[in-house]
């Protein structure tokens, strides 16, 4: 198990079961277990606490200047169990 940074200000709804997913992580920087904003990273991910679906978000490079929640797209969702 490696180090990661926690994305503290992002929450999503699981597309499979509708549960709240809020424990997102990133390894965009040299990970040192700090809290970072989703606005400071390009990629972050988590597993749904209810059904285990993997959710990964990646910043759309065209939208790099706005850095709003809408600028991130779900690029991967798969079952990690």
N, C-alpha and C. Protein backbone atom coordinates (compact mmCIF):
# COMPACT_ATOMS: atom_id res chain seq x y z
N UNK A 1 0.85 -1.17 0.00
CA UNK A 1 0.00 0.00 0.00
C UNK A 1 0.89 1.23 0.00
N UNK A 2 0.66 2.15 -0.94
CA UNK A 2 1.52 3.31 -1.08
C UNK A 2 0.93 4.56 -0.46
N UNK A 3 1.71 5.61 -0.53
CA UNK A 3 1.26 6.90 -0.05
C UNK A 3 0.41 7.58 -1.12
N UNK A 4 -0.46 8.46 -0.69
CA UNK A 4 -1.32 9.22 -1.59
C UNK A 4 -1.70 10.50 -0.88
N UNK A 5 -2.26 11.44 -1.63
CA UNK A 5 -2.85 12.64 -1.07
C UNK A 5 -4.36 12.50 -1.14
N UNK A 6 -5.04 13.06 -0.16
CA UNK A 6 -6.51 12.99 -0.09
C UNK A 6 -7.10 14.24 -0.72
N UNK A 7 -8.06 14.05 -1.62
CA UNK A 7 -8.78 15.17 -2.24
C UNK A 7 -9.94 15.51 -1.32
N UNK A 8 -9.84 16.66 -0.67
CA UNK A 8 -10.75 16.98 0.43
C UNK A 8 -12.03 17.68 0.02
N UNK A 9 -12.12 18.18 -1.20
CA UNK A 9 -13.27 19.01 -1.55
C UNK A 9 -14.04 18.52 -2.77
N UNK A 10 -14.10 17.21 -2.96
CA UNK A 10 -14.83 16.65 -4.10
C UNK A 10 -15.72 15.52 -3.62
N UNK A 11 -16.93 15.49 -4.12
CA UNK A 11 -17.90 14.45 -3.78
C UNK A 11 -18.65 14.09 -5.05
N UNK A 12 -18.95 12.81 -5.22
CA UNK A 12 -19.68 12.34 -6.39
C UNK A 12 -20.76 11.36 -5.95
N UNK A 13 -21.67 11.11 -6.85
CA UNK A 13 -22.70 10.10 -6.64
C UNK A 13 -22.34 8.89 -7.49
N UNK A 14 -22.34 7.72 -6.89
CA UNK A 14 -22.01 6.50 -7.61
C UNK A 14 -23.04 6.26 -8.71
N UNK A 15 -22.59 6.08 -9.96
CA UNK A 15 -23.55 5.84 -11.04
C UNK A 15 -24.23 4.48 -10.97
N UNK A 16 -23.68 3.55 -10.19
CA UNK A 16 -24.28 2.22 -10.08
C UNK A 16 -25.34 2.16 -8.98
N UNK A 17 -25.00 2.63 -7.77
CA UNK A 17 -25.91 2.44 -6.64
C UNK A 17 -26.44 3.74 -6.04
N UNK A 18 -25.90 4.89 -6.46
CA UNK A 18 -26.39 6.17 -5.96
C UNK A 18 -25.80 6.62 -4.63
N UNK A 19 -24.85 5.87 -4.09
CA UNK A 19 -24.23 6.24 -2.81
C UNK A 19 -23.32 7.45 -2.98
N UNK A 20 -23.10 8.16 -1.88
CA UNK A 20 -22.17 9.28 -1.86
C UNK A 20 -20.74 8.75 -1.80
N UNK A 21 -19.89 9.26 -2.69
CA UNK A 21 -18.48 8.87 -2.72
C UNK A 21 -17.68 10.14 -2.46
N UNK A 22 -16.90 10.14 -1.37
CA UNK A 22 -16.19 11.36 -1.01
C UNK A 22 -14.75 11.14 -0.58
N UNK A 23 -14.28 9.93 -0.56
CA UNK A 23 -12.93 9.64 -0.09
C UNK A 23 -11.97 9.50 -1.28
N UNK A 24 -11.84 10.57 -2.08
CA UNK A 24 -11.01 10.52 -3.27
C UNK A 24 -9.54 10.71 -2.93
N UNK A 25 -8.69 10.09 -3.75
CA UNK A 25 -7.24 10.14 -3.56
C UNK A 25 -6.57 10.53 -4.88
N UNK A 26 -5.33 10.99 -4.77
CA UNK A 26 -4.54 11.30 -5.96
C UNK A 26 -3.07 11.00 -5.69
N UNK A 27 -2.35 10.74 -6.76
CA UNK A 27 -0.89 10.59 -6.69
C UNK A 27 -0.24 11.54 -7.70
N UNK A 28 -0.90 12.66 -7.99
CA UNK A 28 -0.39 13.62 -8.96
C UNK A 28 0.91 14.28 -8.51
N UNK A 29 1.09 14.45 -7.24
CA UNK A 29 2.30 15.07 -6.70
C UNK A 29 3.15 13.98 -6.05
N UNK A 30 4.22 14.40 -5.42
CA UNK A 30 4.97 13.48 -4.58
C UNK A 30 4.08 13.22 -3.37
N UNK A 31 3.39 12.08 -3.30
CA UNK A 31 2.39 11.86 -2.26
C UNK A 31 2.97 11.85 -0.85
N UNK A 32 2.34 12.61 0.02
CA UNK A 32 2.83 12.66 1.40
C UNK A 32 1.67 12.75 2.39
N UNK A 33 0.53 12.19 2.04
CA UNK A 33 -0.63 12.08 2.92
C UNK A 33 -1.15 13.44 3.38
N UNK A 34 -1.20 14.40 2.48
CA UNK A 34 -1.77 15.70 2.81
C UNK A 34 -3.14 15.83 2.15
N UNK A 35 -3.88 16.86 2.51
CA UNK A 35 -5.16 17.15 1.86
C UNK A 35 -4.93 18.18 0.78
N UNK A 36 -5.48 17.90 -0.41
CA UNK A 36 -5.34 18.80 -1.55
C UNK A 36 -6.72 19.08 -2.14
N UNK A 37 -6.82 20.13 -2.92
CA UNK A 37 -8.06 20.48 -3.61
C UNK A 37 -8.10 19.79 -4.97
N UNK A 38 -9.29 19.42 -5.42
CA UNK A 38 -9.40 18.83 -6.75
C UNK A 38 -8.93 19.81 -7.81
N UNK A 39 -8.97 21.10 -7.52
CA UNK A 39 -8.52 22.12 -8.47
C UNK A 39 -7.00 22.10 -8.69
N UNK A 40 -6.28 21.42 -7.81
CA UNK A 40 -4.82 21.37 -7.91
C UNK A 40 -4.29 20.09 -8.53
N UNK A 41 -5.18 19.17 -8.90
CA UNK A 41 -4.74 17.89 -9.45
C UNK A 41 -5.41 17.63 -10.79
N UNK A 42 -4.82 16.74 -11.58
CA UNK A 42 -5.37 16.37 -12.87
C UNK A 42 -6.17 15.08 -12.83
N UNK A 43 -5.89 14.23 -11.85
CA UNK A 43 -6.51 12.91 -11.80
C UNK A 43 -6.76 12.52 -10.35
N UNK A 44 -7.95 11.99 -10.08
CA UNK A 44 -8.24 11.49 -8.73
C UNK A 44 -9.26 10.38 -8.83
N UNK A 45 -9.34 9.55 -7.78
CA UNK A 45 -10.10 8.30 -7.87
C UNK A 45 -10.53 7.84 -6.49
N UNK A 46 -11.53 6.95 -6.48
CA UNK A 46 -12.03 6.32 -5.25
C UNK A 46 -12.88 5.13 -5.63
N UNK A 47 -13.11 4.28 -4.65
CA UNK A 47 -14.07 3.18 -4.80
C UNK A 47 -15.33 3.54 -4.03
N UNK A 48 -16.47 3.19 -4.58
CA UNK A 48 -17.74 3.42 -3.88
C UNK A 48 -17.75 2.59 -2.60
N UNK A 49 -18.08 3.22 -1.47
CA UNK A 49 -18.09 2.46 -0.21
C UNK A 49 -19.22 1.43 -0.13
N UNK A 50 -20.23 1.57 -0.96
CA UNK A 50 -21.37 0.64 -0.92
C UNK A 50 -21.22 -0.54 -1.88
N UNK A 51 -20.90 -0.26 -3.15
CA UNK A 51 -20.89 -1.34 -4.15
C UNK A 51 -19.50 -1.66 -4.69
N UNK A 52 -18.49 -0.86 -4.36
CA UNK A 52 -17.13 -1.14 -4.79
C UNK A 52 -16.77 -0.65 -6.18
N UNK A 53 -17.66 0.06 -6.86
CA UNK A 53 -17.36 0.57 -8.19
C UNK A 53 -16.22 1.57 -8.13
N UNK A 54 -15.23 1.42 -9.00
CA UNK A 54 -14.08 2.32 -9.08
C UNK A 54 -14.46 3.54 -9.91
N UNK A 55 -14.26 4.73 -9.37
CA UNK A 55 -14.55 5.97 -10.07
C UNK A 55 -13.26 6.76 -10.22
N UNK A 56 -12.92 7.11 -11.45
CA UNK A 56 -11.71 7.88 -11.69
C UNK A 56 -12.05 9.08 -12.55
N UNK A 57 -11.61 10.25 -12.09
CA UNK A 57 -11.88 11.50 -12.79
C UNK A 57 -10.57 12.08 -13.31
N UNK A 58 -10.62 12.65 -14.51
CA UNK A 58 -9.44 13.27 -15.12
C UNK A 58 -9.84 14.63 -15.68
N UNK A 59 -8.97 15.60 -15.49
CA UNK A 59 -9.21 16.95 -15.97
C UNK A 59 -9.17 17.00 -17.48
N UNK A 60 -10.14 17.68 -18.07
CA UNK A 60 -10.17 17.93 -19.50
C UNK A 60 -9.14 19.03 -19.76
N UNK A 61 -8.09 18.75 -20.48
CA UNK A 61 -6.99 19.71 -20.70
C UNK A 61 -7.47 21.01 -21.34
N UNK A 62 -8.49 20.97 -22.18
CA UNK A 62 -9.02 22.18 -22.82
C UNK A 62 -9.57 23.14 -21.77
N UNK A 63 -10.13 22.59 -20.71
CA UNK A 63 -10.79 23.40 -19.68
C UNK A 63 -9.84 23.78 -18.55
N UNK A 64 -8.57 23.62 -18.72
CA UNK A 64 -7.60 23.80 -17.63
C UNK A 64 -7.74 25.13 -16.89
N UNK A 65 -8.18 26.18 -17.56
CA UNK A 65 -8.25 27.46 -16.88
C UNK A 65 -9.44 27.62 -15.94
N UNK A 66 -10.54 26.99 -16.20
CA UNK A 66 -11.73 27.17 -15.37
C UNK A 66 -11.64 26.42 -14.05
N UNK A 67 -11.25 25.17 -14.09
CA UNK A 67 -11.09 24.33 -12.90
C UNK A 67 -12.33 24.29 -12.01
N UNK A 68 -13.45 24.01 -12.62
CA UNK A 68 -14.69 23.77 -11.90
C UNK A 68 -14.97 22.27 -11.91
N UNK A 69 -15.88 21.84 -11.09
CA UNK A 69 -16.23 20.41 -11.03
C UNK A 69 -16.61 19.90 -12.42
N UNK A 70 -17.29 20.70 -13.20
CA UNK A 70 -17.74 20.30 -14.53
C UNK A 70 -16.58 20.06 -15.51
N UNK A 71 -15.40 20.55 -15.18
CA UNK A 71 -14.24 20.38 -16.05
C UNK A 71 -13.61 19.00 -15.93
N UNK A 72 -14.07 18.19 -14.99
CA UNK A 72 -13.55 16.85 -14.79
C UNK A 72 -14.55 15.84 -15.34
N UNK A 73 -14.06 14.87 -16.07
CA UNK A 73 -14.92 13.83 -16.61
C UNK A 73 -14.59 12.48 -16.01
N UNK A 74 -15.61 11.65 -15.85
CA UNK A 74 -15.42 10.29 -15.37
C UNK A 74 -14.78 9.50 -16.50
N UNK A 75 -13.55 9.04 -16.30
CA UNK A 75 -12.83 8.34 -17.35
C UNK A 75 -12.75 6.84 -17.12
N UNK A 76 -13.06 6.41 -15.93
CA UNK A 76 -12.98 4.98 -15.64
C UNK A 76 -13.97 4.64 -14.54
N UNK A 77 -14.72 3.61 -14.76
CA UNK A 77 -15.56 3.07 -13.70
C UNK A 77 -15.58 1.56 -13.89
N UNK A 78 -15.07 0.86 -12.92
CA UNK A 78 -15.08 -0.61 -12.97
C UNK A 78 -15.11 -1.17 -11.57
N UNK A 79 -15.50 -2.39 -11.48
CA UNK A 79 -15.64 -3.05 -10.20
C UNK A 79 -14.29 -3.51 -9.69
N UNK A 80 -13.89 -3.05 -8.51
CA UNK A 80 -12.61 -3.41 -7.94
C UNK A 80 -12.68 -4.64 -7.05
N UNK A 81 -13.89 -5.15 -6.81
CA UNK A 81 -14.04 -6.33 -5.94
C UNK A 81 -13.85 -7.61 -6.69
